[in-house]
Amino acid sequence: MSLCCLSSSVAWFFTTWPIPRGTPGVYGAVGTQGTCSAQGFFSQFKISSVMYNASLSVYFVLVIVKQWRDDRILKVEPFIHLHAMAWGLGTALASIFLTLFNDLTWNCWISASPMGCEESWKNDGVTTCVRGDNASLYRWAFYFGPVWVVITVVTILMYWVYYTVRRQERAMARLQSVPNGASDRDLLKKTAIQAAYYVGAFYVTWFFPTIFHLVLVTSGKVYFPLLFLTSFFVPIQGLLNLIVFVRPKYGRYVKNNPDQFFLLAWFRMILIELGCRKESSEARNSRASFRWWLGNHSARYSFTTGDTAPAAAASDAAEAEHDKDL
């Protein structure tokens, strides 16, 4: 997923440079149709990272809700990669075949050429476009339609995960007294908040691009504020995911270092995640806590075992040993 985001971000970095030289109204255009198509290809490839977001949500459902083990997950993992990569490569190659990659004012992507030409689906089958006829339809079929389907699916699946864990916790609270129930519920709340942040980052990334292209399709006009917000948010999904990922560690670090300037704290956490700085053994133990909790409690709160007391007792013993190690 990171490689897909990286390839598209690099393509977007070049902005107007790959657009064919001499294109009217475009500043900095020094490319050819070939460079324009190349930029469009790698930009379109970002749809694979969107599909990987959906795959991660499916993974959480399989592990937490369905309680699949690693050996079973490994059997379906190749199909998950195949599905995500097929979307990116398939739609990018189809767009080249359909001559869809053209000037879109700030970069090359799926667009009719020249800008403002009449597409056949709007004009009784007659087109004035030289390239990319019906690009506005393909833009939604190849990109924004799948994006918002994925956003909807991710939201539903993450709520399913949260609801399942909450239901299990409530069931255990009714069945027996759980000494560490308060800490479990606190971790559950933190997990739900973290999931909400991931979904929120996804929404933030794609809200303005969707509005921009809706306005472009309906009015045929490009409004600079929407163009600016689109060009700002689309390339930073990977950065937003990184910020969400390090957020719990950042919270722990700030709690232990209240005098640390918050930007320096964020920078330190990001350097650790990028491997540019070593983290303490205490931080590594903290990061491993959720993985341990998930594996331990999936057995503890399983409804398929009938009598949950032995599993809970074993879980308590394992948890005590874990706390002692920390």
Protein backbone atom coordinates (compact mmCIF):
# COMPACT_ATOMS: atom_id res chain seq x y z
CA MET A 1 0.00 0.00 0.00
CA SER A 2 2.86 2.37 0.85
CA LEU A 3 4.50 1.71 -2.53
CA CYS A 4 1.23 2.50 -4.33
CA CYS A 5 0.91 5.79 -2.41
CA LEU A 6 4.57 6.60 -3.07
CA SER A 7 4.33 6.04 -6.83
CA SER A 8 1.28 8.27 -7.17
CA SER A 9 2.73 10.96 -4.87
CA VAL A 10 5.90 11.09 -6.97
CA ALA A 11 3.76 11.43 -10.10
CA TRP A 12 1.76 14.27 -8.54
CA PHE A 13 4.97 15.99 -7.43
CA PHE A 14 5.70 16.85 -11.07
CA THR A 15 2.30 18.65 -11.30
CA THR A 16 2.17 20.49 -14.65
CA TRP A 17 5.64 19.54 -15.95
CA PRO A 18 4.56 16.38 -17.84
CA ILE A 19 1.71 18.22 -19.61
CA PRO A 20 2.48 18.69 -23.34
CA ARG A 21 4.44 21.85 -24.04
CA GLY A 22 2.32 24.67 -25.41
CA THR A 23 -0.95 23.58 -23.79
CA PRO A 24 -3.03 26.79 -23.48
CA GLY A 25 -3.50 28.19 -19.98
CA VAL A 26 -1.09 25.80 -18.24
CA TYR A 27 1.98 27.21 -16.51
CA GLY A 28 5.14 25.07 -16.50
CA ALA A 29 4.04 22.56 -19.14
CA VAL A 30 7.24 21.18 -20.70
CA GLY A 31 6.30 17.56 -21.47
CA THR A 32 4.85 15.47 -24.27
CA GLN A 33 1.81 13.24 -24.62
CA GLY A 34 4.04 10.36 -23.55
CA THR A 35 5.08 12.02 -20.28
CA CYS A 36 1.47 13.04 -19.70
CA SER A 37 0.29 9.43 -20.11
CA ALA A 38 3.07 8.22 -17.79
CA GLN A 39 2.01 10.64 -15.06
CA GLY A 40 -1.61 9.63 -15.52
CA PHE A 41 -0.70 5.93 -15.30
CA PHE A 42 1.08 6.24 -11.95
CA SER A 43 -1.56 8.63 -10.60
CA GLN A 44 -4.30 6.14 -11.45
CA PHE A 45 -2.28 3.40 -9.75
CA LYS A 46 -3.22 5.00 -6.40
CA ILE A 47 -6.57 3.21 -6.62
CA SER A 48 -4.63 0.11 -5.53
CA SER A 49 -3.81 1.77 -2.20
CA VAL A 50 -7.52 2.51 -1.77
CA MET A 51 -8.26 -1.18 -2.30
CA TYR A 52 -5.57 -2.06 0.23
CA ASN A 53 -7.43 0.09 2.76
CA ALA A 54 -10.47 -2.08 2.17
CA SER A 55 -8.30 -5.21 2.47
CA LEU A 56 -7.00 -4.08 5.87
CA SER A 57 -10.56 -3.70 7.11
CA VAL A 58 -11.41 -7.17 5.82
CA TYR A 59 -8.32 -8.49 7.63
CA PHE A 60 -9.48 -6.99 10.95
CA VAL A 61 -12.90 -8.57 10.47
CA LEU A 62 -11.40 -11.99 9.74
CA VAL A 63 -9.06 -11.85 12.75
CA ILE A 64 -11.28 -10.18 15.35
CA VAL A 65 -14.84 -11.00 14.30
CA LYS A 66 -14.34 -14.36 12.57
CA GLN A 67 -11.27 -15.30 14.67
CA TRP A 68 -9.26 -16.70 11.79
CA ARG A 69 -5.76 -17.92 12.57
CA ASP A 70 -2.59 -16.95 10.70
CA ASP A 71 -2.43 -20.12 8.62
CA ARG A 72 -5.93 -19.50 7.30
CA ILE A 73 -5.19 -15.82 6.62
CA LEU A 74 -2.09 -16.77 4.62
CA LYS A 75 -4.25 -18.82 2.25
CA VAL A 76 -6.34 -15.81 1.21
CA GLU A 77 -3.57 -13.20 1.34
CA PRO A 78 -2.46 -13.73 -2.31
CA PHE A 79 -6.02 -13.05 -3.49
CA ILE A 80 -6.11 -9.84 -1.44
CA HIS A 81 -2.93 -8.61 -3.14
CA LEU A 82 -4.20 -9.73 -6.54
CA HIS A 83 -7.47 -7.85 -6.10
CA ALA A 84 -5.80 -4.60 -5.05
CA MET A 85 -3.10 -4.67 -7.72
CA ALA A 86 -5.55 -5.70 -10.46
CA TRP A 87 -7.62 -2.58 -9.84
CA GLY A 88 -4.63 -0.28 -10.22
CA LEU A 89 -2.96 -1.97 -13.17
CA GLY A 90 -6.22 -2.86 -14.92
CA THR A 91 -7.76 0.61 -14.83
CA ALA A 92 -4.44 2.31 -15.64
CA LEU A 93 -3.84 0.12 -18.70
CA ALA A 94 -7.45 0.51 -19.83
CA SER A 95 -7.11 4.29 -19.53
CA ILE A 96 -4.06 4.24 -21.80
CA PHE A 97 -5.93 2.13 -24.36
CA LEU A 98 -8.89 4.54 -24.23
CA THR A 99 -6.59 7.62 -24.52
CA LEU A 100 -7.98 8.96 -21.24
CA PHE A 101 -4.78 10.42 -19.75
CA ASN A 102 -4.76 14.08 -20.72
CA ASP A 103 -4.31 17.58 -19.31
CA LEU A 104 -6.43 18.21 -16.19
CA THR A 105 -5.13 21.74 -15.50
CA TRP A 106 -2.80 20.85 -12.62
CA ASN A 107 -1.64 17.41 -13.76
CA CYS A 108 -2.32 14.66 -16.28
CA TRP A 109 -5.03 12.20 -15.42
CA ILE A 110 -8.40 10.98 -16.74
CA SER A 111 -9.72 13.91 -18.75
CA ALA A 112 -11.21 14.73 -22.13
CA SER A 113 -9.01 16.70 -24.52
CA PRO A 114 -9.17 19.52 -25.31
CA MET A 115 -10.59 20.79 -22.03
CA GLY A 116 -14.25 21.73 -22.38
CA CYS A 117 -14.94 19.55 -25.43
CA GLU A 118 -18.37 17.93 -25.82
CA GLU A 119 -18.40 14.30 -24.69
CA SER A 120 -20.62 11.93 -26.65
CA TRP A 121 -22.69 10.83 -23.64
CA LYS A 122 -23.78 14.44 -23.14
CA ASN A 123 -24.25 15.26 -26.83
CA ASP A 124 -26.44 12.53 -28.39
CA GLY A 125 -23.47 10.39 -29.37
CA VAL A 126 -21.56 13.19 -31.07
CA THR A 127 -18.20 14.29 -29.66
CA THR A 128 -15.81 17.15 -30.29
CA CYS A 129 -13.09 15.56 -28.15
CA VAL A 130 -9.84 14.57 -29.83
CA ARG A 131 -8.84 12.27 -26.97
CA GLY A 132 -10.57 10.84 -23.93
CA ASP A 133 -14.20 10.86 -25.03
CA ASN A 134 -16.54 10.28 -22.05
CA ALA A 135 -13.63 10.76 -19.63
CA SER A 136 -15.96 12.17 -16.98
CA LEU A 137 -17.82 8.84 -16.87
CA TYR A 138 -14.61 6.80 -16.76
CA ARG A 139 -13.31 9.02 -13.96
CA TRP A 140 -16.19 7.88 -11.79
CA ALA A 141 -16.17 4.29 -13.01
CA PHE A 142 -12.41 3.83 -12.58
CA TYR A 143 -11.79 5.97 -9.53
CA PHE A 144 -14.29 7.99 -7.53
CA GLY A 145 -17.05 5.39 -7.64
CA PRO A 146 -14.75 2.67 -6.23
CA VAL A 147 -13.28 5.14 -3.72
CA TRP A 148 -16.63 5.92 -2.15
CA VAL A 149 -17.73 2.29 -2.24
CA VAL A 150 -14.54 1.47 -0.32
CA ILE A 151 -15.13 4.30 2.15
CA THR A 152 -18.63 2.97 2.83
CA VAL A 153 -17.39 -0.62 3.18
CA VAL A 154 -14.51 0.39 5.47
CA THR A 155 -16.87 2.37 7.70
CA ILE A 156 -19.28 -0.57 8.00
CA LEU A 157 -16.52 -3.12 8.65
CA MET A 158 -14.78 -1.02 11.29
CA TYR A 159 -18.08 -0.52 13.09
CA TRP A 160 -18.63 -4.30 12.90
CA VAL A 161 -15.26 -4.85 14.58
CA TYR A 162 -16.05 -2.32 17.30
CA TYR A 163 -19.54 -3.74 17.87
CA THR A 164 -18.23 -7.31 18.09
CA VAL A 165 -15.59 -6.53 20.71
CA ARG A 166 -18.04 -4.42 22.71
CA ARG A 167 -20.62 -7.21 22.64
CA GLN A 168 -18.05 -9.72 23.85
CA GLU A 169 -16.95 -7.46 26.69
CA ARG A 170 -20.53 -6.94 27.84
CA ALA A 171 -21.23 -10.67 27.70
CA MET A 172 -18.20 -11.42 29.87
CA ALA A 173 -19.20 -8.71 32.34
CA ARG A 174 -22.56 -10.46 32.81
CA LEU A 175 -21.05 -13.95 33.12
CA GLN A 176 -18.32 -13.31 35.63
CA SER A 177 -16.26 -10.74 37.42
CA VAL A 178 -13.26 -9.82 35.33
CA PRO A 179 -10.49 -8.23 37.44
CA ASN A 180 -8.96 -6.37 34.55
CA GLY A 181 -12.27 -5.48 32.90
CA ALA A 182 -11.75 -1.74 33.31
CA SER A 183 -8.42 -1.79 31.51
CA ASP A 184 -9.91 -3.97 28.76
CA ARG A 185 -12.77 -1.54 28.26
CA ASP A 186 -10.31 1.35 28.18
CA LEU A 187 -8.25 -0.41 25.51
CA LEU A 188 -11.44 -1.14 23.58
CA LYS A 189 -12.30 2.56 23.61
CA LYS A 190 -8.81 3.46 22.41
CA THR A 191 -9.05 0.86 19.64
CA ALA A 192 -12.38 2.26 18.47
CA ILE A 193 -10.99 5.81 18.48
CA GLN A 194 -7.95 4.69 16.49
CA ALA A 195 -10.20 3.00 13.92
CA ALA A 196 -12.27 6.18 13.67
CA TYR A 197 -9.13 8.21 12.99
CA TYR A 198 -8.14 5.89 10.14
CA VAL A 199 -11.58 6.21 8.57
CA GLY A 200 -11.50 9.96 9.16
CA ALA A 201 -8.15 10.26 7.37
CA PHE A 202 -9.66 8.38 4.45
CA TYR A 203 -12.64 10.77 4.34
CA VAL A 204 -10.46 13.88 4.62
CA THR A 205 -8.25 12.73 1.75
CA TRP A 206 -11.07 12.13 -0.71
CA PHE A 207 -13.72 14.70 0.25
CA PHE A 208 -12.38 17.68 -1.71
CA PRO A 209 -11.27 15.69 -4.79
CA THR A 210 -14.78 14.27 -5.05
CA ILE A 211 -16.37 17.73 -4.78
CA PHE A 212 -13.88 19.13 -7.31
CA HIS A 213 -14.71 16.52 -9.93
CA LEU A 214 -18.45 16.73 -9.25
CA VAL A 215 -18.29 20.46 -9.99
CA LEU A 216 -16.10 19.84 -13.04
CA VAL A 217 -18.53 17.28 -14.48
CA THR A 218 -21.69 19.31 -13.82
CA SER A 219 -20.43 22.79 -14.73
CA GLY A 220 -17.33 22.19 -16.82
CA LYS A 221 -15.53 24.85 -14.77
CA VAL A 222 -12.41 24.67 -12.61
CA TYR A 223 -12.52 26.66 -9.38
CA PHE A 224 -9.08 27.41 -7.96
CA PRO A 225 -9.96 26.91 -4.24
CA LEU A 226 -11.28 23.40 -4.95
CA LEU A 227 -8.32 22.70 -7.24
CA PHE A 228 -5.90 23.82 -4.52
CA LEU A 229 -7.57 21.69 -1.83
CA THR A 230 -7.63 18.69 -4.16
CA SER A 231 -3.95 19.00 -5.05
CA PHE A 232 -3.12 19.45 -1.35
CA PHE A 233 -5.06 16.54 0.15
CA VAL A 234 -4.78 13.78 -2.47
CA PRO A 235 -1.01 13.19 -2.12
CA ILE A 236 -0.98 13.19 1.71
CA GLN A 237 -3.06 10.11 2.50
CA GLY A 238 0.11 8.19 3.35
CA LEU A 239 1.23 10.99 5.68
CA LEU A 240 -2.17 11.06 7.40
CA ASN A 241 -2.03 7.29 7.88
CA LEU A 242 1.45 7.64 9.39
CA ILE A 243 0.23 10.34 11.78
CA VAL A 244 -2.69 8.17 12.87
CA PHE A 245 -0.37 5.20 13.27
CA VAL A 246 2.08 7.04 15.57
CA ARG A 247 -0.65 8.92 17.46
CA PRO A 248 -0.87 6.44 20.41
CA LYS A 249 2.91 6.44 20.78
CA TYR A 250 2.92 10.24 20.57
CA GLY A 251 0.34 10.40 23.37
CA ARG A 252 2.45 8.18 25.62
CA TYR A 253 5.59 10.17 24.85
CA VAL A 254 3.96 13.53 25.60
CA LYS A 255 2.53 12.15 28.84
CA ASN A 256 6.03 11.17 29.97
CA ASN A 257 7.62 14.36 28.56
CA PRO A 258 5.08 17.15 29.14
CA ASP A 259 7.64 19.91 28.50
CA GLN A 260 8.53 18.63 25.02
CA PHE A 261 7.43 20.93 22.17
CA PHE A 262 4.66 19.08 20.34
CA LEU A 263 6.17 19.44 16.86
CA LEU A 264 9.49 18.03 18.07
CA ALA A 265 7.61 15.15 19.69
CA TRP A 266 5.80 14.37 16.43
CA PHE A 267 9.06 14.58 14.50
CA ARG A 268 10.75 12.20 16.94
CA MET A 269 7.93 9.64 16.64
CA ILE A 270 7.96 9.78 12.83
CA LEU A 271 11.74 9.32 12.75
CA ILE A 272 11.34 6.20 14.89
CA GLU A 273 8.70 4.78 12.55
CA LEU A 274 10.89 5.51 9.52
CA GLY A 275 13.78 3.65 11.17
CA CYS A 276 15.95 6.76 11.46
CA ARG A 277 15.96 6.61 15.25
CA LYS A 278 15.91 3.78 17.77
CA GLU A 279 13.01 3.41 20.18
CA SER A 280 13.34 2.30 23.77
CA SER A 281 12.48 -1.20 24.91
CA GLU A 282 9.60 0.29 26.92
CA ALA A 283 8.12 1.80 23.77
CA ARG A 284 8.47 -1.49 21.90
CA ASN A 285 6.64 -3.27 24.72
CA SER A 286 3.87 -0.68 24.59
CA ARG A 287 3.48 -1.06 20.85
CA ALA A 288 3.28 -4.83 21.23
CA SER A 289 0.60 -4.60 23.91
CA PHE A 290 -2.35 -4.40 21.54
CA ARG A 291 -1.10 -7.29 19.42
CA TRP A 292 -0.75 -9.36 22.59
CA TRP A 293 -4.15 -8.23 23.89
CA LEU A 294 -5.84 -9.09 20.60
CA GLY A 295 -4.41 -12.60 20.41
CA ASN A 296 -5.05 -13.30 24.09
CA HIS A 297 -8.57 -11.93 24.25
CA SER A 298 -9.80 -13.51 21.02
CA ALA A 299 -9.53 -16.83 22.87
CA ARG A 300 -10.74 -15.40 26.13
CA TYR A 301 -14.00 -14.05 24.78
CA SER A 302 -14.78 -16.72 22.20
CA PHE A 303 -18.45 -17.72 22.26
CA THR A 304 -17.74 -21.02 20.56
CA THR A 305 -16.13 -22.70 23.57
CA GLY A 306 -19.23 -22.97 25.72
CA ASP A 307 -17.73 -22.63 29.21
CA THR A 308 -15.69 -19.42 29.17
CA ALA A 309 -14.29 -19.69 32.70
CA PRO A 310 -11.23 -21.87 31.85
CA ALA A 311 -10.32 -19.60 28.94
CA ALA A 312 -10.73 -16.52 31.12
CA ALA A 313 -8.62 -18.05 33.89
CA ALA A 314 -5.86 -18.92 31.44
CA SER A 315 -6.12 -15.42 30.04
CA ASP A 316 -5.77 -13.87 33.49
CA ALA A 317 -2.66 -15.94 34.17
CA ALA A 318 -1.15 -14.96 30.85
CA GLU A 319 -2.00 -11.33 31.47
CA ALA A 320 -0.35 -11.37 34.87
CA GLU A 321 2.79 -12.81 33.29
CA HIS A 322 2.66 -10.17 30.56
CA ASP A 323 2.34 -7.34 33.09
CA LYS A 324 5.29 -8.73 35.03
CA ASP A 325 7.40 -8.72 31.84
CA LEU A 326 6.52 -5.11 31.15
